[in-house]
Amino acid sequence: GHTGVWSLSKVSDTADGTTYRERIIYKDGTPVKNV
């Protein structure tokens, strides 16, 4: 219906799509908080 950036894709099979979990720590092993 208009110009722009378009994608042709299959809708995710779940409501949330994909999920990635990770932990960020400093070199000394302490957690990196509130980043």
Full PDB file with SEQRES, HELIX, SHEET, SSBOND, CRYST1, ORIGX, SCALE, CONECT and MASTER records, all heavy atoms in Angstrom:
SEQRES   1 A   35  GLY HIS THR GLY VAL TRP SER LEU SER LYS VAL SER ASP          
SEQRES   2 A   35  THR ALA ASP GLY THR THR TYR ARG GLU ARG ILE ILE TYR          
SEQRES   3 A   35  LYS ASP GLY THR PRO VAL LYS ASN VAL                          
CRYST1    1.000    1.000    1.000  90.00  90.00  90.00 P 1           1          
ORIGX1      1.000000  0.000000  0.000000        0.00000                         
ORIGX2      0.000000  1.000000  0.000000        0.00000                         
ORIGX3      0.000000  0.000000  1.000000        0.00000                         
SCALE1      1.000000  0.000000  0.000000        0.00000                         
SCALE2      0.000000  1.000000  0.000000        0.00000                         
SCALE3      0.000000  0.000000  1.000000        0.00000                         
ATOM      1  N   GLY A   1       0.775  -1.227   0.000  1.00  0.00           N  
ATOM      2  CA  GLY A   1       0.000   0.000   0.000  1.00  0.00           C  
ATOM      3  C   GLY A   1       0.809   1.280   0.000  1.00  0.00           C  
ATOM      4  O   GLY A   1       0.253   2.362  -0.158  1.00  0.00           O  
ATOM      5  N   HIS A   2       2.117   1.176   0.183  1.00  0.00           N  
ATOM      6  CA  HIS A   2       2.965   2.368   0.239  1.00  0.00           C  
ATOM      7  C   HIS A   2       4.415   1.958   0.053  1.00  0.00           C  
ATOM      8  O   HIS A   2       4.760   0.786   0.164  1.00  0.00           O  
ATOM      9  CB  HIS A   2       2.783   3.103   1.577  1.00  0.00           C  
ATOM     10  CG  HIS A   2       3.029   2.238   2.775  1.00  0.00           C  
ATOM     11  ND1 HIS A   2       4.285   2.041   3.321  1.00  0.00           N  
ATOM     12  CD2 HIS A   2       2.174   1.505   3.523  1.00  0.00           C  
ATOM     13  CE1 HIS A   2       4.184   1.228   4.354  1.00  0.00           C  
ATOM     14  NE2 HIS A   2       2.915   0.883   4.510  1.00  0.00           N  
ATOM     15  N   THR A   3       5.268   2.940  -0.218  1.00  0.00           N  
ATOM     16  CA  THR A   3       6.692   2.648  -0.346  1.00  0.00           C  
ATOM     17  C   THR A   3       7.289   2.500   1.048  1.00  0.00           C  
ATOM     18  O   THR A   3       6.710   2.937   2.041  1.00  0.00           O  
ATOM     19  CB  THR A   3       7.432   3.767  -1.095  1.00  0.00           C  
ATOM     20  OG1 THR A   3       7.251   4.986  -0.384  1.00  0.00           O  
ATOM     21  CG2 THR A   3       6.925   3.898  -2.509  1.00  0.00           C  
ATOM     22  N   GLY A   4       8.448   1.876   1.142  1.00  0.00           N  
ATOM     23  CA  GLY A   4       9.113   1.697   2.425  1.00  0.00           C  
ATOM     24  C   GLY A   4       9.932   0.425   2.435  1.00  0.00           C  
ATOM     25  O   GLY A   4      10.237  -0.149   1.387  1.00  0.00           O  
ATOM     26  N   VAL A   5      10.274  -0.026   3.628  1.00  0.00           N  
ATOM     27  CA  VAL A   5      11.036  -1.255   3.823  1.00  0.00           C  
ATOM     28  C   VAL A   5      10.034  -2.370   4.101  1.00  0.00           C  
ATOM     29  O   VAL A   5       9.251  -2.296   5.052  1.00  0.00           O  
ATOM     30  CB  VAL A   5      12.027  -1.114   5.001  1.00  0.00           C  
ATOM     31  CG1 VAL A   5      12.765  -2.417   5.230  1.00  0.00           C  
ATOM     32  CG2 VAL A   5      13.004   0.023   4.732  1.00  0.00           C  
ATOM     33  N   TRP A   6      10.055  -3.393   3.265  1.00  0.00           N  
ATOM     34  CA  TRP A   6       9.098  -4.491   3.361  1.00  0.00           C  
ATOM     35  C   TRP A   6       9.816  -5.821   3.553  1.00  0.00           C  
ATOM     36  O   TRP A   6      10.942  -5.999   3.109  1.00  0.00           O  
ATOM     37  CB  TRP A   6       8.254  -4.565   2.088  1.00  0.00           C  
ATOM     38  CG  TRP A   6       7.262  -3.467   1.984  1.00  0.00           C  
ATOM     39  CD1 TRP A   6       7.482  -2.211   1.494  1.00  0.00           C  
ATOM     40  CD2 TRP A   6       5.908  -3.497   2.413  1.00  0.00           C  
ATOM     41  NE1 TRP A   6       6.328  -1.465   1.576  1.00  0.00           N  
ATOM     42  CE2 TRP A   6       5.343  -2.244   2.141  1.00  0.00           C  
ATOM     43  CE3 TRP A   6       5.104  -4.470   3.001  1.00  0.00           C  
ATOM     44  CZ2 TRP A   6       4.018  -1.934   2.436  1.00  0.00           C  
ATOM     45  CZ3 TRP A   6       3.784  -4.171   3.282  1.00  0.00           C  
ATOM     46  CH2 TRP A   6       3.259  -2.910   3.011  1.00  0.00           C  
ATOM     47  N   SER A   7       9.123  -6.751   4.190  1.00  0.00           N  
ATOM     48  CA  SER A   7       9.647  -8.094   4.392  1.00  0.00           C  
ATOM     49  C   SER A   7       8.545  -9.100   4.093  1.00  0.00           C  
ATOM     50  O   SER A   7       7.388  -8.905   4.482  1.00  0.00           O  
ATOM     51  CB  SER A   7      10.122  -8.264   5.845  1.00  0.00           C  
ATOM     52  OG  SER A   7      10.496  -9.605   6.080  1.00  0.00           O  
ATOM     53  N   LEU A   8       8.891 -10.151   3.405  1.00  0.00           N  
ATOM     54  CA  LEU A   8       7.989 -11.256   3.128  1.00  0.00           C  
ATOM     55  C   LEU A   8       8.402 -12.370   4.075  1.00  0.00           C  
ATOM     56  O   LEU A   8       9.530 -12.844   4.017  1.00  0.00           O  
ATOM     57  CB  LEU A   8       8.131 -11.696   1.671  1.00  0.00           C  
ATOM     58  CG  LEU A   8       7.270 -12.840   1.198  1.00  0.00           C  
ATOM     59  CD1 LEU A   8       5.798 -12.456   1.241  1.00  0.00           C  
ATOM     60  CD2 LEU A   8       7.660 -13.219  -0.224  1.00  0.00           C  
ATOM     61  N   SER A   9       7.510 -12.764   4.976  1.00  0.00           N  
ATOM     62  CA  SER A   9       7.924 -13.686   6.014  1.00  0.00           C  
ATOM     63  C   SER A   9       6.751 -14.511   6.510  1.00  0.00           C  
ATOM     64  O   SER A   9       5.594 -14.139   6.367  1.00  0.00           O  
ATOM     65  CB  SER A   9       8.515 -12.892   7.190  1.00  0.00           C  
ATOM     66  OG  SER A   9       9.019 -13.739   8.162  1.00  0.00           O  
ATOM     67  N   LYS A  10       7.088 -15.616   7.116  1.00  0.00           N  
ATOM     68  CA  LYS A  10       6.085 -16.461   7.765  1.00  0.00           C  
ATOM     69  C   LYS A  10       5.908 -15.953   9.189  1.00  0.00           C  
ATOM     70  O   LYS A  10       6.883 -15.684   9.886  1.00  0.00           O  
ATOM     71  CB  LYS A  10       6.572 -17.914   7.769  1.00  0.00           C  
ATOM     72  CG  LYS A  10       5.580 -18.881   8.341  1.00  0.00           C  
ATOM     73  CD  LYS A  10       6.113 -20.303   8.213  1.00  0.00           C  
ATOM     74  CE  LYS A  10       5.144 -21.285   8.801  1.00  0.00           C  
ATOM     75  NZ  LYS A  10       5.637 -22.662   8.682  1.00  0.00           N  
ATOM     76  N   VAL A  11       4.663 -15.805   9.618  1.00  0.00           N  
ATOM     77  CA  VAL A  11       4.386 -15.366  10.982  1.00  0.00           C  
ATOM     78  C   VAL A  11       4.876 -16.437  11.939  1.00  0.00           C  
ATOM     79  O   VAL A  11       4.741 -17.633  11.685  1.00  0.00           O  
ATOM     80  CB  VAL A  11       2.875 -15.114  11.175  1.00  0.00           C  
ATOM     81  CG1 VAL A  11       2.564 -14.741  12.603  1.00  0.00           C  
ATOM     82  CG2 VAL A  11       2.407 -14.025  10.234  1.00  0.00           C  
ATOM     83  N   SER A  12       5.456 -16.013  13.056  1.00  0.00           N  
ATOM     84  CA  SER A  12       5.986 -16.935  14.055  1.00  0.00           C  
ATOM     85  C   SER A  12       4.906 -17.894  14.532  1.00  0.00           C  
ATOM     86  O   SER A  12       3.740 -17.531  14.662  1.00  0.00           O  
ATOM     87  CB  SER A  12       6.536 -16.140  15.241  1.00  0.00           C  
ATOM     88  OG  SER A  12       6.964 -17.019  16.234  1.00  0.00           O  
ATOM     89  N   ASP A  13       5.309 -19.118  14.826  1.00  0.00           N  
ATOM     90  CA  ASP A  13       4.371 -20.138  15.288  1.00  0.00           C  
ATOM     91  C   ASP A  13       3.927 -19.927  16.731  1.00  0.00           C  
ATOM     92  O   ASP A  13       3.031 -20.605  17.206  1.00  0.00           O  
ATOM     93  CB  ASP A  13       5.006 -21.526  15.161  1.00  0.00           C  
ATOM     94  CG  ASP A  13       5.257 -21.897  13.703  1.00  0.00           C  
ATOM     95  OD1 ASP A  13       4.559 -21.350  12.820  1.00  0.00           O  
ATOM     96  OD2 ASP A  13       6.144 -22.723  13.461  1.00  0.00           O  
ATOM     97  N   THR A  14       4.584 -19.038  17.467  1.00  0.00           N  
ATOM     98  CA  THR A  14       4.197 -18.773  18.847  1.00  0.00           C  
ATOM     99  C   THR A  14       4.007 -17.282  19.025  1.00  0.00           C  
ATOM    100  O   THR A  14       4.514 -16.478  18.260  1.00  0.00           O  
ATOM    101  CB  THR A  14       5.282 -19.249  19.850  1.00  0.00           C  
ATOM    102  OG1 THR A  14       6.427 -18.434  19.672  1.00  0.00           O  
ATOM    103  CG2 THR A  14       5.625 -20.705  19.678  1.00  0.00           C  
ATOM    104  N   ALA A  15       3.289 -16.911  20.067  1.00  0.00           N  
ATOM    105  CA  ALA A  15       3.003 -15.493  20.310  1.00  0.00           C  
ATOM    106  C   ALA A  15       4.285 -14.695  20.533  1.00  0.00           C  
ATOM    107  O   ALA A  15       4.402 -13.557  20.117  1.00  0.00           O  
ATOM    108  CB  ALA A  15       2.078 -15.348  21.505  1.00  0.00           C  
ATOM    109  N   ASP A  16       5.254 -15.269  21.203  1.00  0.00           N  
ATOM    110  CA  ASP A  16       6.478 -14.556  21.538  1.00  0.00           C  
ATOM    111  C   ASP A  16       7.560 -14.660  20.475  1.00  0.00           C  
ATOM    112  O   ASP A  16       8.588 -14.013  20.598  1.00  0.00           O  
ATOM    113  CB  ASP A  16       7.055 -15.076  22.854  1.00  0.00           C  
ATOM    114  CG  ASP A  16       6.211 -14.702  24.047  1.00  0.00           C  
ATOM    115  OD1 ASP A  16       5.228 -13.972  23.898  1.00  0.00           O  
ATOM    116  OD2 ASP A  16       6.545 -15.153  25.130  1.00  0.00           O  
ATOM    117  N   GLY A  17       7.366 -15.474  19.454  1.00  0.00           N  
ATOM    118  CA  GLY A  17       8.433 -15.673  18.482  1.00  0.00           C  
ATOM    119  C   GLY A  17       9.586 -16.423  19.133  1.00  0.00           C  
ATOM    120  O   GLY A  17       9.378 -17.411  19.807  1.00  0.00           O  
ATOM    121  N   THR A  18      10.780 -15.936  18.970  1.00  0.00           N  
ATOM    122  CA  THR A  18      11.950 -16.593  19.532  1.00  0.00           C  
ATOM    123  C   THR A  18      12.399 -15.862  20.798  1.00  0.00           C  
ATOM    124  O   THR A  18      12.085 -14.701  21.003  1.00  0.00           O  
ATOM    125  CB  THR A  18      13.096 -16.602  18.513  1.00  0.00           C  
ATOM    126  OG1 THR A  18      13.405 -15.265  18.182  1.00  0.00           O  
ATOM    127  CG2 THR A  18      12.707 -17.354  17.254  1.00  0.00           C  
ATOM    128  N   THR A  19      13.123 -16.575  21.637  1.00  0.00           N  
ATOM    129  CA  THR A  19      13.615 -16.000  22.897  1.00  0.00           C  
ATOM    130  C   THR A  19      15.087 -16.344  23.060  1.00  0.00           C  
ATOM    131  O   THR A  19      15.480 -17.497  22.885  1.00  0.00           O  
ATOM    132  CB  THR A  19      12.833 -16.550  24.105  1.00  0.00           C  
ATOM    133  OG1 THR A  19      11.449 -16.229  23.939  1.00  0.00           O  
ATOM    134  CG2 THR A  19      13.326 -15.947  25.409  1.00  0.00           C  
ATOM    135  N   TYR A  20      15.890 -15.343  23.384  1.00  0.00           N  
ATOM    136  CA  TYR A  20      17.318 -15.546  23.633  1.00  0.00           C  
ATOM    137  C   TYR A  20      17.620 -15.097  25.054  1.00  0.00           C  
ATOM    138  O   TYR A  20      17.295 -13.973  25.440  1.00  0.00           O  
ATOM    139  CB  TYR A  20      18.155 -14.730  22.642  1.00  0.00           C  
ATOM    140  CG  TYR A  20      19.636 -14.917  22.825  1.00  0.00           C  
ATOM    141  CD1 TYR A  20      20.265 -16.059  22.343  1.00  0.00           C  
ATOM    142  CD2 TYR A  20      20.404 -13.969  23.494  1.00  0.00           C  
ATOM    143  CE1 TYR A  20      21.632 -16.239  22.519  1.00  0.00           C  
ATOM    144  CE2 TYR A  20      21.766 -14.152  23.669  1.00  0.00           C  
ATOM    145  CZ  TYR A  20      22.369 -15.291  23.184  1.00  0.00           C  
ATOM    146  OH  TYR A  20      23.713 -15.474  23.362  1.00  0.00           O  
ATOM    147  N   ARG A  21      18.251 -15.977  25.848  1.00  0.00           N  
ATOM    148  CA  ARG A  21      18.619 -15.671  27.230  1.00  0.00           C  
ATOM    149  C   ARG A  21      20.136 -15.680  27.360  1.00  0.00           C  
ATOM    150  O   ARG A  21      20.817 -16.514  26.782  1.00  0.00           O  
ATOM    151  CB  ARG A  21      18.037 -16.700  28.182  1.00  0.00           C  
ATOM    152  CG  ARG A  21      16.546 -16.700  28.224  1.00  0.00           C  
ATOM    153  CD  ARG A  21      16.030 -17.698  29.256  1.00  0.00           C  
ATOM    154  NE  ARG A  21      14.594 -17.763  29.180  1.00  0.00           N  
ATOM    155  CZ  ARG A  21      13.913 -18.857  28.895  1.00  0.00           C  
ATOM    156  NH1 ARG A  21      14.527 -19.991  28.670  1.00  0.00           N  
ATOM    157  NH2 ARG A  21      12.599 -18.825  28.837  1.00  0.00           N  
ATOM    158  N   GLU A  22      20.650 -14.754  28.156  1.00  0.00           N  
ATOM    159  CA  GLU A  22      22.102 -14.622  28.295  1.00  0.00           C  
ATOM    160  C   GLU A  22      22.424 -13.955  29.624  1.00  0.00           C  
ATOM    161  O   GLU A  22      21.554 -13.365  30.262  1.00  0.00           O  
ATOM    162  CB  GLU A  22      22.632 -13.781  27.129  1.00  0.00           C  
ATOM    163  CG  GLU A  22      24.111 -13.524  27.118  1.00  0.00           C  
ATOM    164  CD  GLU A  22      24.926 -14.754  26.833  1.00  0.00           C  
ATOM    165  OE1 GLU A  22      25.232 -15.020  25.667  1.00  0.00           O  
ATOM    166  OE2 GLU A  22      25.278 -15.434  27.821  1.00  0.00           O  
ATOM    167  N   ARG A  23      23.668 -14.020  30.009  1.00  0.00           N  
ATOM    168  CA  ARG A  23      24.183 -13.345  31.200  1.00  0.00           C  
ATOM    169  C   ARG A  23      25.445 -12.600  30.814  1.00  0.00           C  
ATOM    170  O   ARG A  23      26.281 -13.117  30.073  1.00  0.00           O  
ATOM    171  CB  ARG A  23      24.503 -14.363  32.293  1.00  0.00           C  
ATOM    172  CG  ARG A  23      24.977 -13.720  33.579  1.00  0.00           C  
ATOM    173  CD  ARG A  23      25.193 -14.753  34.659  1.00  0.00           C  
ATOM    174  NE  ARG A  23      25.404 -14.091  35.933  1.00  0.00           N  
ATOM    175  CZ  ARG A  23      26.226 -14.545  36.859  1.00  0.00           C  
ATOM    176  NH1 ARG A  23      26.898 -15.669  36.671  1.00  0.00           N  
ATOM    177  NH2 ARG A  23      26.366 -13.898  37.987  1.00  0.00           N  
ATOM    178  N   ILE A  24      25.572 -11.367  31.320  1.00  0.00           N  
ATOM    179  CA  ILE A  24      26.773 -10.566  31.066  1.00  0.00           C  
ATOM    180  C   ILE A  24      27.517 -10.417  32.390  1.00  0.00           C  
ATOM    181  O   ILE A  24      26.932 -10.004  33.396  1.00  0.00           O  
ATOM    182  CB  ILE A  24      26.428  -9.176  30.504  1.00  0.00           C  
ATOM    183  CG1 ILE A  24      25.640  -9.310  29.195  1.00  0.00           C  
ATOM    184  CG2 ILE A  24      27.684  -8.352  30.281  1.00  0.00           C  
ATOM    185  CD1 ILE A  24      25.144  -7.990  28.641  1.00  0.00           C  
ATOM    186  N   ILE A  25      28.808 -10.760  32.357  1.00  0.00           N  
ATOM    187  CA  ILE A  25      29.640 -10.626  33.560  1.00  0.00           C  
ATOM    188  C   ILE A  25      30.941  -9.913  33.201  1.00  0.00           C  
ATOM    189  O   ILE A  25      31.366  -9.907  32.047  1.00  0.00           O  
ATOM    190  CB  ILE A  25      29.957 -11.995  34.191  1.00  0.00           C  
ATOM    191  CG1 ILE A  25      30.655 -12.919  33.184  1.00  0.00           C  
ATOM    192  CG2 ILE A  25      28.698 -12.655  34.750  1.00  0.00           C  
ATOM    193  CD1 ILE A  25      31.155 -14.218  33.767  1.00  0.00           C  
ATOM    194  N   TYR A  26      31.539  -9.301  34.217  1.00  0.00           N  
ATOM    195  CA  TYR A  26      32.861  -8.704  34.040  1.00  0.00           C  
ATOM    196  C   TYR A  26      33.907  -9.812  34.027  1.00  0.00           C  
ATOM    197  O   TYR A  26      33.626 -10.970  34.370  1.00  0.00           O  
ATOM    198  CB  TYR A  26      33.155  -7.725  35.185  1.00  0.00           C  
ATOM    199  CG  TYR A  26      32.288  -6.494  35.155  1.00  0.00           C  
ATOM    200  CD1 TYR A  26      31.254  -6.328  36.069  1.00  0.00           C  
ATOM    201  CD2 TYR A  26      32.503  -5.485  34.218  1.00  0.00           C  
ATOM    202  CE1 TYR A  26      30.446  -5.189  36.056  1.00  0.00           C  
ATOM    203  CE2 TYR A  26      31.707  -4.347  34.188  1.00  0.00           C  
ATOM    204  CZ  TYR A  26      30.686  -4.205  35.110  1.00  0.00           C  
ATOM    205  OH  TYR A  26      29.898  -3.092  35.081  1.00  0.00           O  
ATOM    206  N   LYS A  27      35.133  -9.488  33.656  1.00  0.00           N  
ATOM    207  CA  LYS A  27      36.205 -10.490  33.589  1.00  0.00           C  
ATOM    208  C   LYS A  27      36.416 -11.192  34.916  1.00  0.00           C  
ATOM    209  O   LYS A  27      36.794 -12.356  34.955  1.00  0.00           O  
ATOM    210  CB  LYS A  27      37.518  -9.849  33.121  1.00  0.00           C  
ATOM    211  CG  LYS A  27      37.511  -9.494  31.666  1.00  0.00           C  
ATOM    212  CD  LYS A  27      38.849  -8.931  31.228  1.00  0.00           C  
ATOM    213  CE  LYS A  27      38.826  -8.600  29.762  1.00  0.00           C  
ATOM    214  NZ  LYS A  27      40.103  -8.100  29.270  1.00  0.00           N  
ATOM    215  N   ASP A  28      36.163 -10.482  36.029  1.00  0.00           N  
ATOM    216  CA  ASP A  28      36.367 -11.110  37.347  1.00  0.00           C  
ATOM    217  C   ASP A  28      35.180 -11.973  37.777  1.00  0.00           C  
ATOM    218  O   ASP A  28      35.180 -12.535  38.866  1.00  0.00           O  
ATOM    219  CB  ASP A  28      36.663 -10.048  38.411  1.00  0.00           C  
ATOM    220  CG  ASP A  28      35.488  -9.122  38.685  1.00  0.00           C  
ATOM    221  OD1 ASP A  28      34.391  -9.317  38.109  1.00  0.00           O  
ATOM    222  OD2 ASP A  28      35.662  -8.181  39.484  1.00  0.00           O  
ATOM    223  N   GLY A  29      34.150 -12.078  36.921  1.00  0.00           N  
ATOM    224  CA  GLY A  29      33.007 -12.941  37.214  1.00  0.00           C  
ATOM    225  C   GLY A  29      31.826 -12.248  37.883  1.00  0.00           C  
ATOM    226  O   GLY A  29      30.786 -12.870  38.070  1.00  0.00           O  
ATOM    227  N   THR A  30      31.955 -10.994  38.252  1.00  0.00           N  
ATOM    228  CA  THR A  30      30.829 -10.292  38.874  1.00  0.00           C  
ATOM    229  C   THR A  30      29.818  -9.891  37.799  1.00  0.00           C  
ATOM    230  O   THR A  30      30.187  -9.596  36.659  1.00  0.00           O  
ATOM    231  CB  THR A  30      31.285  -9.032  39.654  1.00  0.00           C  
ATOM    232  OG1 THR A  30      31.964  -8.161  38.751  1.00  0.00           O  
ATOM    233  CG2 THR A  30      32.189  -9.402  40.808  1.00  0.00           C  
ATOM    234  N   PRO A  31      28.523  -9.884  38.140  1.00  0.00           N  
ATOM    235  CA  PRO A  31      27.503  -9.573  37.139  1.00  0.00           C  
ATOM    236  C   PRO A  31      27.498  -8.101  36.729  1.00  0.00           C  
ATOM    237  O   PRO A  31      27.790  -7.223  37.539  1.00  0.00           O  
ATOM    238  CB  PRO A  31      26.197  -9.934  37.848  1.00  0.00           C  
ATOM    239  CG  PRO A  31      26.511  -9.892  39.298  1.00  0.00           C  
ATOM    240  CD  PRO A  31      27.952 -10.234  39.439  1.00  0.00           C  
ATOM    241  N   VAL A  32      27.176  -7.852  35.480  1.00  0.00           N  
ATOM    242  CA  VAL A  32      27.004  -6.503  34.961  1.00  0.00           C  
ATOM    243  C   VAL A  32      25.522  -6.166  35.152  1.00  0.00           C  
ATOM    244  O   VAL A  32      24.659  -6.722  34.476  1.00  0.00           O  
ATOM    245  CB  VAL A  32      27.401  -6.410  33.475  1.00  0.00           C  
ATOM    246  CG1 VAL A  32      27.156  -5.015  32.937  1.00  0.00           C  
ATOM    247  CG2 VAL A  32      28.861  -6.804  33.297  1.00  0.00           C  
ATOM    248  N   LYS A  33      25.234  -5.263  36.097  1.00  0.00           N  
ATOM    249  CA  LYS A  33      23.857  -4.950  36.484  1.00  0.00           C  
ATOM    250  C   LYS A  33      23.324  -3.733  35.732  1.00  0.00           C  
ATOM    251  O   LYS A  33      24.060  -2.790  35.450  1.00  0.00           O  
ATOM    252  CB  LYS A  33      23.790  -4.646  37.977  1.00  0.00           C  
ATOM    253  CG  LYS A  33      24.322  -5.734  38.863  1.00  0.00           C  
ATOM    254  CD  LYS A  33      24.346  -5.272  40.313  1.00  0.00           C  
ATOM    255  CE  LYS A  33      25.031  -6.287  41.184  1.00  0.00           C  
ATOM    256  NZ  LYS A  33      25.108  -5.838  42.582  1.00  0.00           N  
ATOM    257  N   ASN A  34      22.008  -3.763  35.451  1.00  0.00           N  
ATOM    258  CA  ASN A  34      21.271  -2.607  34.921  1.00  0.00           C  
ATOM    259  C   ASN A  34      21.874  -1.997  33.661  1.00  0.00           C  
ATOM    260  O   ASN A  34      21.964  -0.783  33.520  1.00  0.00           O  
ATOM    261  CB  ASN A  34      21.121  -1.540  36.005  1.00  0.00           C  
ATOM    262  CG  ASN A  34      20.432  -2.101  37.225  1.00  0.00           C  
ATOM    263  OD1 ASN A  34      19.437  -2.808  37.104  1.00  0.00           O  
ATOM    264  ND2 ASN A  34      20.978  -1.815  38.391  1.00  0.00           N  
ATOM    265  N   VAL A  35      22.305  -2.837  32.744  1.00  0.00           N  
ATOM    266  CA  VAL A  35      22.837  -2.396  31.453  1.00  0.00           C  
ATOM    267  C   VAL A  35      21.784  -2.690  30.387  1.00  0.00           C  
ATOM    268  O   VAL A  35      21.189  -3.761  30.378  1.00  0.00           O  
ATOM    269  CB  VAL A  35      24.157  -3.135  31.136  1.00  0.00           C  
ATOM    270  CG1 VAL A  35      24.609  -2.887  29.711  1.00  0.00           C  
ATOM    271  CG2 VAL A  35      25.242  -2.723  32.107  1.00  0.00           C  
TER     272      VAL A  35                                                      
MASTER        0    0    0    0    0    0    0    6  271    1    0    3          
END                                                                             
